[in-house]
Amino acid sequence: MSQLLVRNLQKEVVESLKNRAKANHRSLQAEVALILENAAKVQPRDFWQDANAVREQLAEYKNQHNHSFSDSAELIREDRDK
């Protein structure tokens, strides 16, 4: 395992981390390690890349099944009027 030293943290930040660790029944070191591990795992995905992938999947489905997607507004209006 590697080690990391963080210097010059504000006193309020350290106190907040200590309180969080206590609330979660962990040591300060374990709490900070967990925070850093979770932060390192989170890789924000590119929204537009995901949106384009969904569009491509829908277009492929439409072409393969000779299917078109209808506008759902009319169905919503019917349900609302019930």
Protein backbone atom coordinates (compact mmCIF):
# COMPACT_ATOMS: atom_id res chain seq x y z
CA MET A 1 0.00 0.00 0.00
CA SER A 2 1.11 3.52 -0.73
CA GLN A 3 1.03 6.46 1.61
CA LEU A 4 0.00 10.05 1.03
CA LEU A 5 0.76 13.08 3.15
CA VAL A 6 -1.54 16.07 2.87
CA ARG A 7 -0.24 19.27 4.39
CA ASN A 8 -1.74 22.63 5.23
CA LEU A 9 -5.36 21.60 5.62
CA GLN A 10 -7.59 24.10 7.31
CA LYS A 11 -8.42 23.26 10.90
CA GLU A 12 -12.15 23.21 10.04
CA VAL A 13 -11.58 20.60 7.33
CA VAL A 14 -9.72 18.32 9.73
CA GLU A 15 -12.43 18.73 12.38
CA SER A 16 -15.12 17.96 9.82
CA LEU A 17 -13.28 14.82 8.73
CA LYS A 18 -12.86 13.74 12.35
CA ASN A 19 -16.58 14.23 12.98
CA ARG A 20 -17.45 12.29 9.85
CA ALA A 21 -15.10 9.46 10.84
CA LYS A 22 -16.62 9.30 14.31
CA ALA A 23 -20.16 9.25 12.90
CA ASN A 24 -19.17 6.36 10.61
CA HIS A 25 -17.34 4.49 13.39
CA ARG A 26 -14.00 4.69 11.58
CA SER A 27 -10.61 6.13 12.33
CA LEU A 28 -9.70 9.42 10.68
CA GLN A 29 -7.19 7.59 8.50
CA ALA A 30 -9.78 5.01 7.40
CA GLU A 31 -12.35 7.73 6.65
CA VAL A 32 -9.94 9.78 4.54
CA ALA A 33 -8.75 6.65 2.73
CA LEU A 34 -12.33 5.70 1.88
CA ILE A 35 -13.11 9.23 0.64
CA LEU A 36 -10.04 9.21 -1.59
CA GLU A 37 -10.74 5.70 -2.91
CA ASN A 38 -14.31 6.64 -3.80
CA ALA A 39 -13.21 9.89 -5.42
CA ALA A 40 -10.60 8.09 -7.52
CA LYS A 41 -13.16 5.53 -8.74
CA VAL A 42 -15.61 8.14 -9.97
CA GLN A 43 -14.88 8.93 -13.57
CA PRO A 44 -17.53 11.25 -14.96
CA ARG A 45 -18.79 9.92 -18.24
CA ASP A 46 -19.23 12.16 -21.20
CA PHE A 47 -22.96 12.88 -21.42
CA TRP A 48 -22.93 13.55 -25.15
CA GLN A 49 -21.00 10.37 -25.85
CA ASP A 50 -23.62 8.40 -23.89
CA ALA A 51 -26.47 10.23 -25.62
CA ASN A 52 -25.04 9.47 -29.05
CA ALA A 53 -24.64 5.80 -28.14
CA VAL A 54 -28.32 5.62 -27.12
CA ARG A 55 -29.35 7.33 -30.36
CA GLU A 56 -27.31 4.81 -32.35
CA GLN A 57 -28.88 1.88 -30.48
CA LEU A 58 -32.38 3.20 -31.10
CA ALA A 59 -31.65 3.77 -34.79
CA GLU A 60 -30.24 0.25 -35.10
CA TYR A 61 -33.31 -1.22 -33.37
CA LYS A 62 -35.61 0.79 -35.61
CA ASN A 63 -33.82 -0.44 -38.75
CA GLN A 64 -33.64 -4.08 -37.66
CA HIS A 65 -37.27 -4.33 -36.63
CA ASN A 66 -38.78 -1.97 -39.20
CA HIS A 67 -40.24 -0.11 -36.26
CA SER A 68 -40.88 3.54 -35.60
CA PHE A 69 -41.40 5.10 -32.21
CA SER A 70 -44.61 7.04 -31.85
CA ASP A 71 -45.07 10.30 -30.06
CA SER A 72 -46.27 9.50 -26.55
CA ALA A 73 -47.91 12.89 -26.01
CA GLU A 74 -51.31 11.64 -27.20
CA LEU A 75 -51.17 8.64 -24.84
CA ILE A 76 -50.27 10.91 -21.93
CA ARG A 77 -53.19 13.20 -22.74
CA GLU A 78 -55.55 10.20 -22.82
CA ASP A 79 -54.34 9.02 -19.41
CA ARG A 80 -54.62 12.48 -17.96
CA ASP A 81 -58.22 12.83 -19.17
CA LYS A 82 -59.32 9.59 -17.46
